[in-house]
Amino acid sequence: MELLIVIIVILLVVIGVIVALGKAIGAPDPKAMSVAQIEYRLKTEFSWIKRYLRLPIENQQYESLRKKYRDKEKYLRELVLEYNARIQSVSGQQKSPSNNPSPRAP
């Protein structure tokens, strides 16, 4: 029985350390993410913001939720900027060969 309690306590401590490290590290940098990861992250961040905005006004007033909402909005802007830059660079690479056609021999 004591062994079981020790195992449960160790698991709780490990989970607590993992959560604390995740919060300390923060959200991943959009510049280090692939396009698929950015798209997935955009989807999850948008869904969190939609859920927040569906809350009753009195529940939106909690300071911790407001702070998290502002942080997520800021991060979402960073994601959108990086996503748009990647899409423009890909579309620019695809257009560049067609804009400069090679000269044809007579």
N, C-alpha and C. Protein backbone atom coordinates (compact mmCIF):
# COMPACT_ATOMS: atom_id res chain seq x y z
N MET A 1 0.82 -1.20 0.00
CA MET A 1 0.00 0.00 0.00
C MET A 1 0.86 1.26 0.00
N GLU A 2 1.93 1.24 0.79
CA GLU A 2 2.82 2.39 0.83
C GLU A 2 3.51 2.60 -0.51
N LEU A 3 3.84 1.50 -1.17
CA LEU A 3 4.47 1.59 -2.48
C LEU A 3 3.54 2.26 -3.48
N LEU A 4 2.28 1.93 -3.43
CA LEU A 4 1.29 2.53 -4.32
C LEU A 4 1.19 4.04 -4.08
N ILE A 5 1.19 4.45 -2.84
CA ILE A 5 1.13 5.87 -2.51
C ILE A 5 2.38 6.60 -3.01
N VAL A 6 3.53 5.98 -2.85
CA VAL A 6 4.78 6.58 -3.32
C VAL A 6 4.75 6.73 -4.84
N ILE A 7 4.27 5.72 -5.55
CA ILE A 7 4.19 5.79 -7.01
C ILE A 7 3.24 6.90 -7.44
N ILE A 8 2.10 7.02 -6.79
CA ILE A 8 1.14 8.07 -7.13
C ILE A 8 1.73 9.45 -6.86
N VAL A 9 2.42 9.62 -5.77
CA VAL A 9 3.04 10.91 -5.45
C VAL A 9 4.11 11.25 -6.48
N ILE A 10 4.91 10.27 -6.86
CA ILE A 10 5.95 10.51 -7.87
C ILE A 10 5.33 10.90 -9.20
N LEU A 11 4.26 10.22 -9.60
CA LEU A 11 3.57 10.57 -10.85
C LEU A 11 3.02 11.99 -10.80
N LEU A 12 2.42 12.37 -9.68
CA LEU A 12 1.89 13.72 -9.54
C LEU A 12 3.00 14.77 -9.62
N VAL A 13 4.13 14.48 -8.99
CA VAL A 13 5.26 15.41 -9.03
C VAL A 13 5.79 15.54 -10.46
N VAL A 14 5.93 14.43 -11.16
CA VAL A 14 6.42 14.46 -12.54
C VAL A 14 5.46 15.24 -13.42
N ILE A 15 4.18 15.00 -13.28
CA ILE A 15 3.19 15.74 -14.08
C ILE A 15 3.25 17.23 -13.75
N GLY A 16 3.39 17.56 -12.48
CA GLY A 16 3.51 18.97 -12.08
C GLY A 16 4.74 19.63 -12.67
N VAL A 17 5.85 18.92 -12.70
CA VAL A 17 7.09 19.48 -13.28
C VAL A 17 6.92 19.68 -14.78
N ILE A 18 6.30 18.74 -15.46
CA ILE A 18 6.08 18.87 -16.90
C ILE A 18 5.19 20.06 -17.21
N VAL A 19 4.12 20.23 -16.47
CA VAL A 19 3.22 21.36 -16.68
C VAL A 19 3.95 22.68 -16.40
N ALA A 20 4.72 22.73 -15.32
CA ALA A 20 5.45 23.96 -14.98
C ALA A 20 6.48 24.31 -16.06
N LEU A 21 7.18 23.32 -16.57
CA LEU A 21 8.15 23.57 -17.63
C LEU A 21 7.45 24.05 -18.90
N GLY A 22 6.32 23.45 -19.22
CA GLY A 22 5.57 23.88 -20.40
C GLY A 22 5.12 25.32 -20.30
N LYS A 23 4.67 25.73 -19.13
CA LYS A 23 4.25 27.12 -18.94
C LYS A 23 5.44 28.06 -18.96
N ALA A 24 6.56 27.61 -18.42
CA ALA A 24 7.76 28.46 -18.39
C ALA A 24 8.33 28.65 -19.79
N ILE A 25 8.30 27.61 -20.59
CA ILE A 25 8.84 27.69 -21.94
C ILE A 25 7.94 28.54 -22.83
N GLY A 26 6.65 28.40 -22.68
CA GLY A 26 5.69 29.18 -23.46
C GLY A 26 5.37 28.54 -24.80
N ALA A 27 4.68 29.30 -25.63
CA ALA A 27 4.25 28.82 -26.94
C ALA A 27 5.46 28.75 -27.88
N PRO A 28 5.44 27.82 -28.83
CA PRO A 28 6.56 27.71 -29.76
C PRO A 28 6.62 28.91 -30.71
N ASP A 29 7.83 29.23 -31.13
CA ASP A 29 8.05 30.35 -32.04
C ASP A 29 7.51 29.98 -33.43
N PRO A 30 6.66 30.80 -34.02
CA PRO A 30 6.11 30.47 -35.34
C PRO A 30 7.17 30.32 -36.43
N LYS A 31 8.29 31.01 -36.30
CA LYS A 31 9.34 30.91 -37.31
C LYS A 31 10.00 29.54 -37.32
N ALA A 32 9.92 28.81 -36.21
CA ALA A 32 10.53 27.49 -36.11
C ALA A 32 9.54 26.37 -36.43
N MET A 33 8.33 26.73 -36.84
CA MET A 33 7.29 25.74 -37.09
C MET A 33 7.10 25.53 -38.59
N SER A 34 6.63 24.34 -38.96
CA SER A 34 6.29 24.08 -40.36
C SER A 34 4.92 24.70 -40.66
N VAL A 35 4.57 24.75 -41.92
CA VAL A 35 3.28 25.32 -42.32
C VAL A 35 2.14 24.49 -41.73
N ALA A 36 2.28 23.17 -41.74
CA ALA A 36 1.23 22.32 -41.18
C ALA A 36 1.07 22.56 -39.68
N GLN A 37 2.18 22.74 -38.98
CA GLN A 37 2.10 23.03 -37.55
C GLN A 37 1.46 24.38 -37.30
N ILE A 38 1.76 25.37 -38.14
CA ILE A 38 1.15 26.69 -38.00
C ILE A 38 -0.35 26.59 -38.23
N GLU A 39 -0.76 25.86 -39.27
CA GLU A 39 -2.19 25.71 -39.54
C GLU A 39 -2.91 25.05 -38.37
N TYR A 40 -2.31 24.01 -37.80
CA TYR A 40 -2.92 23.33 -36.66
C TYR A 40 -3.00 24.27 -35.46
N ARG A 41 -1.94 25.02 -35.23
CA ARG A 41 -1.92 25.94 -34.09
C ARG A 41 -2.95 27.06 -34.29
N LEU A 42 -3.10 27.56 -35.52
CA LEU A 42 -4.12 28.58 -35.81
C LEU A 42 -5.51 28.03 -35.47
N LYS A 43 -5.75 26.80 -35.87
CA LYS A 43 -7.06 26.18 -35.61
C LYS A 43 -7.33 26.08 -34.11
N THR A 44 -6.35 25.63 -33.33
CA THR A 44 -6.58 25.47 -31.90
C THR A 44 -6.69 26.81 -31.19
N GLU A 45 -5.88 27.78 -31.59
CA GLU A 45 -5.97 29.10 -30.95
C GLU A 45 -7.30 29.77 -31.27
N PHE A 46 -7.77 29.66 -32.52
CA PHE A 46 -9.07 30.23 -32.89
C PHE A 46 -10.19 29.57 -32.09
N SER A 47 -10.10 28.25 -31.91
CA SER A 47 -11.16 27.57 -31.18
C SER A 47 -11.18 28.01 -29.71
N TRP A 48 -10.01 28.24 -29.10
CA TRP A 48 -9.97 28.72 -27.72
C TRP A 48 -10.60 30.11 -27.63
N ILE A 49 -10.26 30.98 -28.58
CA ILE A 49 -10.81 32.34 -28.55
C ILE A 49 -12.32 32.31 -28.75
N LYS A 50 -12.81 31.45 -29.64
CA LYS A 50 -14.26 31.34 -29.83
C LYS A 50 -14.95 30.90 -28.54
N ARG A 51 -14.37 29.91 -27.87
CA ARG A 51 -14.96 29.45 -26.60
C ARG A 51 -14.95 30.57 -25.56
N TYR A 52 -13.88 31.33 -25.50
CA TYR A 52 -13.80 32.44 -24.55
C TYR A 52 -14.88 33.48 -24.84
N LEU A 53 -15.06 33.82 -26.11
CA LEU A 53 -16.04 34.84 -26.47
C LEU A 53 -17.48 34.37 -26.28
N ARG A 54 -17.69 33.04 -26.23
CA ARG A 54 -19.03 32.52 -25.97
C ARG A 54 -19.37 32.52 -24.49
N LEU A 55 -18.38 32.74 -23.63
CA LEU A 55 -18.66 32.79 -22.19
C LEU A 55 -19.54 33.99 -21.86
N PRO A 56 -20.33 33.89 -20.83
CA PRO A 56 -21.08 35.08 -20.37
C PRO A 56 -20.08 36.19 -19.99
N ILE A 57 -20.53 37.43 -20.14
CA ILE A 57 -19.66 38.58 -19.89
C ILE A 57 -19.06 38.54 -18.49
N GLU A 58 -19.83 38.16 -17.49
CA GLU A 58 -19.29 38.15 -16.13
C GLU A 58 -18.15 37.14 -15.98
N ASN A 59 -18.17 36.05 -16.76
CA ASN A 59 -17.08 35.08 -16.69
C ASN A 59 -15.85 35.55 -17.48
N GLN A 60 -16.06 36.42 -18.46
CA GLN A 60 -14.93 36.95 -19.23
C GLN A 60 -14.14 37.98 -18.43
N GLN A 61 -14.69 38.43 -17.33
CA GLN A 61 -14.05 39.50 -16.56
C GLN A 61 -12.95 39.02 -15.62
N TYR A 62 -12.80 37.72 -15.44
CA TYR A 62 -11.73 37.22 -14.58
C TYR A 62 -10.39 37.64 -15.17
N GLU A 63 -9.54 38.18 -14.33
CA GLU A 63 -8.25 38.73 -14.79
C GLU A 63 -7.39 37.66 -15.47
N SER A 64 -7.37 36.47 -14.92
CA SER A 64 -6.53 35.41 -15.51
C SER A 64 -7.01 35.05 -16.92
N LEU A 65 -8.33 35.00 -17.11
CA LEU A 65 -8.86 34.70 -18.44
C LEU A 65 -8.60 35.84 -19.42
N ARG A 66 -8.75 37.07 -18.95
CA ARG A 66 -8.48 38.22 -19.83
C ARG A 66 -7.03 38.25 -20.26
N LYS A 67 -6.13 37.97 -19.32
CA LYS A 67 -4.70 37.96 -19.64
C LYS A 67 -4.39 36.85 -20.64
N LYS A 68 -4.96 35.68 -20.43
CA LYS A 68 -4.74 34.58 -21.36
C LYS A 68 -5.30 34.92 -22.74
N TYR A 69 -6.46 35.58 -22.78
CA TYR A 69 -7.07 35.99 -24.05
C TYR A 69 -6.16 36.97 -24.78
N ARG A 70 -5.64 37.96 -24.06
CA ARG A 70 -4.73 38.94 -24.70
C ARG A 70 -3.46 38.27 -25.21
N ASP A 71 -2.92 37.36 -24.42
CA ASP A 71 -1.72 36.64 -24.86
C ASP A 71 -1.99 35.79 -26.09
N LYS A 72 -3.14 35.13 -26.11
CA LYS A 72 -3.48 34.30 -27.26
C LYS A 72 -3.74 35.15 -28.50
N GLU A 73 -4.35 36.32 -28.32
CA GLU A 73 -4.56 37.22 -29.46
C GLU A 73 -3.23 37.66 -30.06
N LYS A 74 -2.30 38.02 -29.19
CA LYS A 74 -0.97 38.44 -29.65
C LYS A 74 -0.28 37.30 -30.39
N TYR A 75 -0.32 36.11 -29.81
CA TYR A 75 0.31 34.95 -30.43
C TYR A 75 -0.36 34.61 -31.76
N LEU A 76 -1.68 34.76 -31.82
CA LEU A 76 -2.42 34.49 -33.05
C LEU A 76 -1.99 35.45 -34.16
N ARG A 77 -1.77 36.72 -33.80
CA ARG A 77 -1.28 37.68 -34.80
C ARG A 77 0.08 37.26 -35.34
N GLU A 78 0.96 36.81 -34.44
CA GLU A 78 2.28 36.34 -34.88
C GLU A 78 2.15 35.14 -35.82
N LEU A 79 1.26 34.22 -35.48
CA LEU A 79 1.05 33.04 -36.33
C LEU A 79 0.53 33.44 -37.71
N VAL A 80 -0.43 34.35 -37.73
CA VAL A 80 -1.01 34.77 -39.01
C VAL A 80 0.04 35.48 -39.86
N LEU A 81 0.84 36.34 -39.25
CA LEU A 81 1.89 37.02 -40.01
C LEU A 81 2.89 36.02 -40.60
N GLU A 82 3.31 35.07 -39.81
CA GLU A 82 4.27 34.07 -40.29
C GLU A 82 3.64 33.19 -41.37
N TYR A 83 2.39 32.81 -41.18
CA TYR A 83 1.69 31.99 -42.16
C TYR A 83 1.57 32.73 -43.50
N ASN A 84 1.16 34.00 -43.43
CA ASN A 84 1.03 34.79 -44.65
C ASN A 84 2.38 34.97 -45.35
N ALA A 85 3.44 35.17 -44.57
CA ALA A 85 4.77 35.32 -45.16
C ALA A 85 5.19 34.04 -45.87
N ARG A 86 4.91 32.91 -45.26
CA ARG A 86 5.27 31.63 -45.88
C ARG A 86 4.47 31.40 -47.16
N ILE A 87 3.19 31.70 -47.12
CA ILE A 87 2.34 31.50 -48.31
C ILE A 87 2.79 32.42 -49.43
N GLN A 88 3.11 33.67 -49.11
CA GLN A 88 3.58 34.61 -50.14
C GLN A 88 4.92 34.18 -50.71
N SER A 89 5.80 33.66 -49.88
CA SER A 89 7.10 33.23 -50.40
C SER A 89 6.94 32.02 -51.32
N VAL A 90 6.03 31.11 -50.97
CA VAL A 90 5.78 29.95 -51.82
C VAL A 90 5.14 30.38 -53.13
N SER A 91 4.15 31.26 -53.07
CA SER A 91 3.50 31.71 -54.30
C SER A 91 4.45 32.56 -55.13
N GLY A 92 5.35 33.31 -54.49
CA GLY A 92 6.35 34.08 -55.23
C GLY A 92 7.34 33.19 -55.94
N GLN A 93 7.71 32.06 -55.34
CA GLN A 93 8.63 31.12 -55.97
C GLN A 93 7.97 30.44 -57.16
N GLN A 94 6.68 30.21 -57.07
CA GLN A 94 5.99 29.55 -58.17
C GLN A 94 5.79 30.52 -59.34
N LYS A 95 5.63 31.81 -59.05
CA LYS A 95 5.38 32.78 -60.11
C LYS A 95 6.67 33.23 -60.79
N SER A 96 7.79 33.20 -60.09
CA SER A 96 9.01 33.77 -60.64
C SER A 96 9.46 33.11 -61.94
N PRO A 97 9.40 31.79 -62.13
CA PRO A 97 9.82 31.24 -63.42
C PRO A 97 8.90 31.68 -64.56
N SER A 98 7.62 31.82 -64.31
CA SER A 98 6.70 32.21 -65.38
C SER A 98 6.84 33.69 -65.72
N ASN A 99 7.31 34.50 -64.79
CA ASN A 99 7.50 35.92 -65.06
C ASN A 99 8.73 36.18 -65.93
N ASN A 100 9.71 35.30 -65.88
CA ASN A 100 10.93 35.45 -66.67
C ASN A 100 11.07 34.27 -67.63
N PRO A 101 10.30 34.30 -68.72
CA PRO A 101 10.40 33.17 -69.63
C PRO A 101 11.77 33.14 -70.31
N SER A 102 12.27 31.95 -70.54
CA SER A 102 13.57 31.83 -71.20
C SER A 102 13.43 32.19 -72.67
N PRO A 103 14.45 32.84 -73.23
CA PRO A 103 14.37 33.21 -74.66
C PRO A 103 14.36 31.96 -75.54
N ARG A 104 13.60 32.03 -76.59
CA ARG A 104 13.52 30.89 -77.50
C ARG A 104 14.49 31.08 -78.67
N ALA A 105 15.03 30.01 -79.08
CA ALA A 105 15.95 30.07 -80.23
C ALA A 105 15.13 30.21 -81.50
N PRO A 106 15.61 30.98 -82.47
CA PRO A 106 14.84 31.16 -83.72
C PRO A 106 14.84 29.95 -84.58
